[in-house]
């Protein structure tokens, strides 16, 4: 298991449990995200608070998960990115693909304000 999930005010939060999000976890991420998305949540926040390193294969799995989510009318956003990971998201323009929030509280408030 790579994700720990909880519900916060009707929004599903999926915390990544590994400090190094790399190739060895990318398939597991996709499988767990498909199972979560199949439950039909409206919004998912992926919490990176424990992640210190992420590689391209893991980011590819994130994009794959997002495509599956969009097809199932689910929105995915990311929260708690370390500075280096946030810079990487910006560098490869994933900040244009994923909504990024500094923390869970701000994400929940923004999502609930747009409902």
N, C-alpha and C. Protein backbone atom coordinates (compact mmCIF):
# COMPACT_ATOMS: atom_id res chain seq x y z
N UNK A 1 0.84 -1.18 0.00
CA UNK A 1 0.00 0.00 0.00
C UNK A 1 0.89 1.24 0.00
N UNK A 2 0.61 2.13 -0.93
CA UNK A 2 1.41 3.35 -1.05
C UNK A 2 0.61 4.57 -0.60
N UNK A 3 -0.73 4.45 -0.53
CA UNK A 3 -1.59 5.57 -0.18
C UNK A 3 -2.39 5.27 1.09
N UNK A 4 -2.51 6.28 1.92
CA UNK A 4 -3.39 6.22 3.08
C UNK A 4 -4.47 7.28 2.84
N UNK A 5 -5.73 6.87 2.88
CA UNK A 5 -6.79 7.81 2.54
C UNK A 5 -7.64 8.15 3.76
N UNK A 6 -8.16 9.36 3.74
CA UNK A 6 -9.17 9.78 4.70
C UNK A 6 -10.07 10.81 4.04
N UNK A 7 -11.22 11.02 4.64
CA UNK A 7 -12.19 11.96 4.11
C UNK A 7 -12.15 13.22 4.95
N UNK A 8 -12.06 14.38 4.30
CA UNK A 8 -12.07 15.66 5.00
C UNK A 8 -13.14 16.53 4.37
N UNK A 9 -14.25 16.69 5.08
CA UNK A 9 -15.31 17.58 4.61
C UNK A 9 -15.82 17.17 3.22
N UNK A 10 -15.93 15.87 2.98
CA UNK A 10 -16.44 15.37 1.71
C UNK A 10 -15.40 15.26 0.61
N UNK A 11 -14.15 15.56 0.93
CA UNK A 11 -13.07 15.49 -0.06
C UNK A 11 -12.11 14.37 0.35
N UNK A 12 -11.80 13.50 -0.60
CA UNK A 12 -10.91 12.37 -0.31
C UNK A 12 -9.46 12.85 -0.35
N UNK A 13 -8.72 12.58 0.71
CA UNK A 13 -7.30 12.93 0.78
C UNK A 13 -6.50 11.64 0.75
N UNK A 14 -5.57 11.54 -0.21
CA UNK A 14 -4.73 10.35 -0.36
C UNK A 14 -3.29 10.75 -0.08
N UNK A 15 -2.78 10.31 1.06
CA UNK A 15 -1.42 10.65 1.47
C UNK A 15 -0.45 9.59 0.94
N UNK A 16 0.58 10.05 0.23
CA UNK A 16 1.62 9.14 -0.25
C UNK A 16 2.51 8.79 0.94
N UNK A 17 2.70 7.51 1.19
CA UNK A 17 3.37 7.06 2.41
C UNK A 17 4.88 6.86 2.27
N UNK A 18 5.41 6.95 1.05
CA UNK A 18 6.84 6.67 0.85
C UNK A 18 7.62 7.97 0.67
N UNK A 19 8.85 8.03 1.21
CA UNK A 19 9.66 9.24 1.03
C UNK A 19 10.24 9.37 -0.38
N UNK A 20 10.45 8.23 -1.06
CA UNK A 20 10.98 8.24 -2.42
C UNK A 20 9.93 7.68 -3.37
N UNK A 21 9.28 8.57 -4.11
CA UNK A 21 8.25 8.17 -5.06
C UNK A 21 8.92 7.93 -6.41
N UNK A 22 9.19 6.66 -6.70
CA UNK A 22 9.96 6.34 -7.90
C UNK A 22 9.33 5.19 -8.69
N UNK A 23 10.08 4.68 -9.65
CA UNK A 23 9.61 3.63 -10.55
C UNK A 23 9.01 2.44 -9.79
N UNK A 24 9.65 2.05 -8.69
CA UNK A 24 9.16 0.87 -7.98
C UNK A 24 7.78 1.07 -7.36
N UNK A 25 7.34 2.32 -7.19
CA UNK A 25 6.01 2.57 -6.64
C UNK A 25 5.00 3.05 -7.68
N UNK A 26 5.45 3.34 -8.90
CA UNK A 26 4.55 3.97 -9.88
C UNK A 26 3.37 3.07 -10.27
N UNK A 27 3.59 1.79 -10.48
CA UNK A 27 2.49 0.89 -10.83
C UNK A 27 1.51 0.73 -9.67
N UNK A 28 2.04 0.68 -8.47
CA UNK A 28 1.20 0.58 -7.28
C UNK A 28 0.34 1.83 -7.13
N UNK A 29 0.94 3.00 -7.40
CA UNK A 29 0.17 4.25 -7.34
C UNK A 29 -0.99 4.20 -8.32
N UNK A 30 -0.71 3.82 -9.55
CA UNK A 30 -1.77 3.77 -10.56
C UNK A 30 -2.90 2.81 -10.13
N UNK A 31 -2.54 1.64 -9.63
CA UNK A 31 -3.54 0.66 -9.22
C UNK A 31 -4.39 1.19 -8.07
N UNK A 32 -3.75 1.80 -7.09
CA UNK A 32 -4.50 2.32 -5.95
C UNK A 32 -5.35 3.52 -6.34
N UNK A 33 -4.85 4.37 -7.23
CA UNK A 33 -5.63 5.52 -7.68
C UNK A 33 -6.85 5.07 -8.48
N UNK A 34 -6.71 4.05 -9.33
CA UNK A 34 -7.85 3.53 -10.08
C UNK A 34 -8.92 3.03 -9.10
N UNK A 35 -8.49 2.30 -8.07
CA UNK A 35 -9.45 1.78 -7.07
C UNK A 35 -10.15 2.94 -6.36
N UNK A 36 -9.42 3.99 -6.05
CA UNK A 36 -10.01 5.16 -5.38
C UNK A 36 -10.98 5.87 -6.32
N UNK A 37 -10.55 6.10 -7.55
CA UNK A 37 -11.38 6.82 -8.52
C UNK A 37 -12.65 6.03 -8.84
N UNK A 38 -12.55 4.71 -8.84
CA UNK A 38 -13.72 3.87 -9.09
C UNK A 38 -14.80 4.02 -8.01
N UNK A 39 -14.44 4.57 -6.86
CA UNK A 39 -15.41 4.84 -5.80
C UNK A 39 -16.19 6.14 -6.07
N UNK A 40 -15.83 6.82 -7.15
CA UNK A 40 -16.51 8.03 -7.64
C UNK A 40 -16.47 9.24 -6.70
N UNK A 41 -15.30 9.54 -6.11
CA UNK A 41 -15.24 10.79 -5.35
C UNK A 41 -15.26 11.97 -6.32
N UNK A 42 -15.76 13.09 -5.88
CA UNK A 42 -15.78 14.29 -6.73
C UNK A 42 -14.39 14.93 -6.78
N UNK A 43 -13.71 14.95 -5.63
CA UNK A 43 -12.39 15.57 -5.52
C UNK A 43 -11.43 14.67 -4.75
N UNK A 44 -10.18 14.64 -5.24
CA UNK A 44 -9.11 13.91 -4.54
C UNK A 44 -7.95 14.87 -4.36
N UNK A 45 -7.42 14.91 -3.14
CA UNK A 45 -6.17 15.64 -2.88
C UNK A 45 -5.08 14.61 -2.67
N UNK A 46 -4.00 14.74 -3.41
CA UNK A 46 -2.85 13.85 -3.21
C UNK A 46 -1.85 14.60 -2.35
N UNK A 47 -1.59 14.05 -1.18
CA UNK A 47 -0.75 14.69 -0.16
C UNK A 47 0.69 14.19 -0.28
N UNK A 48 1.58 15.11 -0.59
CA UNK A 48 3.00 14.80 -0.76
C UNK A 48 3.83 15.12 0.48
N UNK A 49 3.20 15.29 1.64
CA UNK A 49 3.94 15.76 2.82
C UNK A 49 5.08 14.84 3.24
N UNK A 50 5.00 13.54 2.97
CA UNK A 50 6.07 12.61 3.34
C UNK A 50 7.08 12.38 2.22
N UNK A 51 6.81 12.93 1.04
CA UNK A 51 7.65 12.65 -0.13
C UNK A 51 8.82 13.64 -0.19
N UNK A 52 10.02 13.09 -0.29
CA UNK A 52 11.23 13.91 -0.39
C UNK A 52 11.84 13.87 -1.79
N UNK A 53 11.49 12.83 -2.56
CA UNK A 53 12.05 12.65 -3.89
C UNK A 53 10.97 12.06 -4.79
N UNK A 54 10.91 12.53 -6.02
CA UNK A 54 9.97 11.97 -6.99
C UNK A 54 10.68 11.87 -8.34
N UNK A 55 10.44 10.77 -9.06
CA UNK A 55 11.08 10.63 -10.38
C UNK A 55 10.03 10.69 -11.49
N UNK A 56 10.51 10.68 -12.72
CA UNK A 56 9.63 10.88 -13.88
C UNK A 56 8.61 9.75 -14.03
N UNK A 57 8.96 8.53 -13.69
CA UNK A 57 8.00 7.43 -13.83
C UNK A 57 6.83 7.60 -12.87
N UNK A 58 7.11 8.09 -11.69
CA UNK A 58 6.05 8.33 -10.71
C UNK A 58 5.16 9.48 -11.19
N UNK A 59 5.78 10.52 -11.72
CA UNK A 59 5.00 11.64 -12.25
C UNK A 59 4.14 11.18 -13.43
N UNK A 60 4.67 10.28 -14.24
CA UNK A 60 3.89 9.70 -15.33
C UNK A 60 2.68 8.95 -14.81
N UNK A 61 2.86 8.23 -13.71
CA UNK A 61 1.74 7.52 -13.09
C UNK A 61 0.70 8.51 -12.55
N UNK A 62 1.17 9.65 -12.07
CA UNK A 62 0.25 10.70 -11.60
C UNK A 62 -0.59 11.22 -12.78
N UNK A 63 0.06 11.47 -13.90
CA UNK A 63 -0.65 11.97 -15.08
C UNK A 63 -1.64 10.92 -15.59
N UNK A 64 -1.24 9.66 -15.59
CA UNK A 64 -2.14 8.57 -15.98
C UNK A 64 -3.37 8.54 -15.07
N UNK A 65 -3.13 8.69 -13.78
CA UNK A 65 -4.22 8.70 -12.81
C UNK A 65 -5.16 9.88 -13.08
N UNK A 66 -4.58 11.02 -13.41
CA UNK A 66 -5.39 12.20 -13.71
C UNK A 66 -6.27 11.97 -14.94
N UNK A 67 -5.71 11.36 -15.98
CA UNK A 67 -6.49 11.08 -17.18
C UNK A 67 -7.68 10.17 -16.86
N UNK A 68 -7.42 9.15 -16.04
CA UNK A 68 -8.49 8.24 -15.63
C UNK A 68 -9.53 8.99 -14.80
N UNK A 69 -9.06 9.87 -13.93
CA UNK A 69 -9.96 10.65 -13.08
C UNK A 69 -10.85 11.56 -13.92
N UNK A 70 -10.26 12.26 -14.87
CA UNK A 70 -11.03 13.17 -15.72
C UNK A 70 -12.12 12.40 -16.46
N UNK A 71 -11.78 11.23 -16.97
CA UNK A 71 -12.76 10.41 -17.67
C UNK A 71 -13.90 9.97 -16.75
N UNK A 72 -13.63 9.96 -15.44
CA UNK A 72 -14.64 9.55 -14.46
C UNK A 72 -15.19 10.74 -13.67
N UNK A 73 -14.98 11.95 -14.19
CA UNK A 73 -15.50 13.19 -13.59
C UNK A 73 -15.02 13.42 -12.16
N UNK A 74 -13.75 13.13 -11.92
CA UNK A 74 -13.12 13.36 -10.62
C UNK A 74 -11.99 14.36 -10.81
N UNK A 75 -11.89 15.33 -9.91
CA UNK A 75 -10.80 16.30 -9.95
C UNK A 75 -9.70 15.85 -8.99
N UNK A 76 -8.43 16.03 -9.43
CA UNK A 76 -7.28 15.72 -8.58
C UNK A 76 -6.45 16.98 -8.42
N UNK A 77 -6.07 17.25 -7.17
CA UNK A 77 -5.14 18.34 -6.87
C UNK A 77 -4.05 17.77 -5.97
N UNK A 78 -2.94 18.50 -5.86
CA UNK A 78 -1.85 18.05 -5.00
C UNK A 78 -1.62 19.08 -3.89
N UNK A 79 -1.17 18.57 -2.74
CA UNK A 79 -0.91 19.43 -1.59
C UNK A 79 0.41 19.06 -0.94
N UNK A 80 0.93 20.00 -0.18
CA UNK A 80 2.13 19.78 0.65
C UNK A 80 3.36 19.35 -0.15
N UNK A 81 3.61 20.03 -1.27
CA UNK A 81 4.81 19.72 -2.04
C UNK A 81 6.03 20.36 -1.38
N UNK A 82 7.10 19.58 -1.25
CA UNK A 82 8.37 20.16 -0.81
C UNK A 82 8.84 21.14 -1.88
N UNK A 83 9.65 22.09 -1.50
CA UNK A 83 10.10 23.13 -2.43
C UNK A 83 10.71 22.55 -3.69
N UNK A 84 11.59 21.57 -3.55
CA UNK A 84 12.24 20.96 -4.73
C UNK A 84 11.22 20.29 -5.65
N UNK A 85 10.25 19.62 -5.06
CA UNK A 85 9.24 18.94 -5.86
C UNK A 85 8.31 19.96 -6.51
N UNK A 86 7.97 21.01 -5.80
CA UNK A 86 7.15 22.09 -6.38
C UNK A 86 7.89 22.71 -7.57
N UNK A 87 9.20 22.94 -7.41
CA UNK A 87 10.00 23.49 -8.51
C UNK A 87 10.01 22.55 -9.71
N UNK A 88 10.07 21.25 -9.46
CA UNK A 88 10.04 20.26 -10.54
C UNK A 88 8.69 20.30 -11.25
N UNK A 89 7.60 20.35 -10.50
CA UNK A 89 6.27 20.47 -11.10
C UNK A 89 6.20 21.69 -12.01
N UNK A 90 6.77 22.80 -11.55
CA UNK A 90 6.75 24.03 -12.34
C UNK A 90 7.63 23.89 -13.58
N UNK A 91 8.82 23.33 -13.41
CA UNK A 91 9.76 23.17 -14.51
C UNK A 91 9.17 22.35 -15.65
N UNK A 92 8.51 21.26 -15.31
CA UNK A 92 7.95 20.41 -16.36
C UNK A 92 6.47 20.71 -16.62
N UNK A 93 6.02 21.83 -16.09
CA UNK A 93 4.70 22.40 -16.35
C UNK A 93 3.54 21.55 -15.83
N UNK A 94 3.81 20.70 -14.85
CA UNK A 94 2.71 19.97 -14.23
C UNK A 94 1.84 20.88 -13.38
N UNK A 95 2.36 22.08 -13.07
CA UNK A 95 1.54 23.06 -12.35
C UNK A 95 0.40 23.57 -13.24
N UNK A 96 0.49 23.33 -14.53
CA UNK A 96 -0.60 23.68 -15.46
C UNK A 96 -1.62 22.55 -15.56
N UNK A 97 -1.22 21.36 -15.12
CA UNK A 97 -2.07 20.18 -15.22
C UNK A 97 -2.78 19.90 -13.88
N UNK A 98 -2.02 20.03 -12.79
CA UNK A 98 -2.56 19.78 -11.45
C UNK A 98 -2.70 21.11 -10.72
N UNK A 99 -3.81 21.28 -10.05
CA UNK A 99 -3.95 22.42 -9.13
C UNK A 99 -3.09 22.09 -7.91
N UNK A 100 -2.29 23.05 -7.48
CA UNK A 100 -1.37 22.85 -6.36
C UNK A 100 -1.78 23.77 -5.22
N UNK A 101 -1.92 23.18 -4.03
CA UNK A 101 -2.23 23.93 -2.83
C UNK A 101 -1.11 23.74 -1.81
N UNK A 102 -0.87 24.76 -1.00
CA UNK A 102 0.20 24.62 0.00
C UNK A 102 -0.12 23.61 1.09
N UNK A 103 -1.42 23.44 1.41
CA UNK A 103 -1.78 22.50 2.48
C UNK A 103 -3.23 22.07 2.34
N UNK A 104 -3.61 21.11 3.16
CA UNK A 104 -4.95 20.52 3.09
C UNK A 104 -6.03 21.55 3.43
N UNK A 105 -5.80 22.36 4.44
CA UNK A 105 -6.79 23.35 4.87
C UNK A 105 -7.15 24.33 3.76
N UNK A 106 -6.13 24.87 3.08
CA UNK A 106 -6.39 25.81 1.99
C UNK A 106 -7.06 25.13 0.80
N UNK A 107 -6.68 23.90 0.54
CA UNK A 107 -7.30 23.16 -0.57
C UNK A 107 -8.79 22.93 -0.31
N UNK A 108 -9.10 22.47 0.90
CA UNK A 108 -10.50 22.19 1.26
C UNK A 108 -11.32 23.48 1.16
N UNK A 109 -10.77 24.57 1.69
CA UNK A 109 -11.49 25.84 1.67
C UNK A 109 -11.76 26.29 0.23
N UNK A 110 -10.74 26.20 -0.63
CA UNK A 110 -10.90 26.63 -2.02
C UNK A 110 -11.89 25.74 -2.77
N UNK A 111 -11.78 24.45 -2.59
CA UNK A 111 -12.68 23.52 -3.29
C UNK A 111 -14.12 23.74 -2.82
N UNK A 112 -14.33 23.91 -1.53
CA UNK A 112 -15.68 24.13 -1.03
C UNK A 112 -16.25 25.47 -1.46
N UNK A 113 -15.38 26.46 -1.70
CA UNK A 113 -15.84 27.77 -2.18
C UNK A 113 -16.25 27.72 -3.65
N UNK A 114 -15.76 26.75 -4.40
CA UNK A 114 -16.09 26.67 -5.83
C UNK A 114 -17.25 25.71 -6.10
N UNK A 115 -17.72 25.04 -5.07
CA UNK A 115 -18.83 24.09 -5.25
C UNK A 115 -20.16 24.81 -5.38
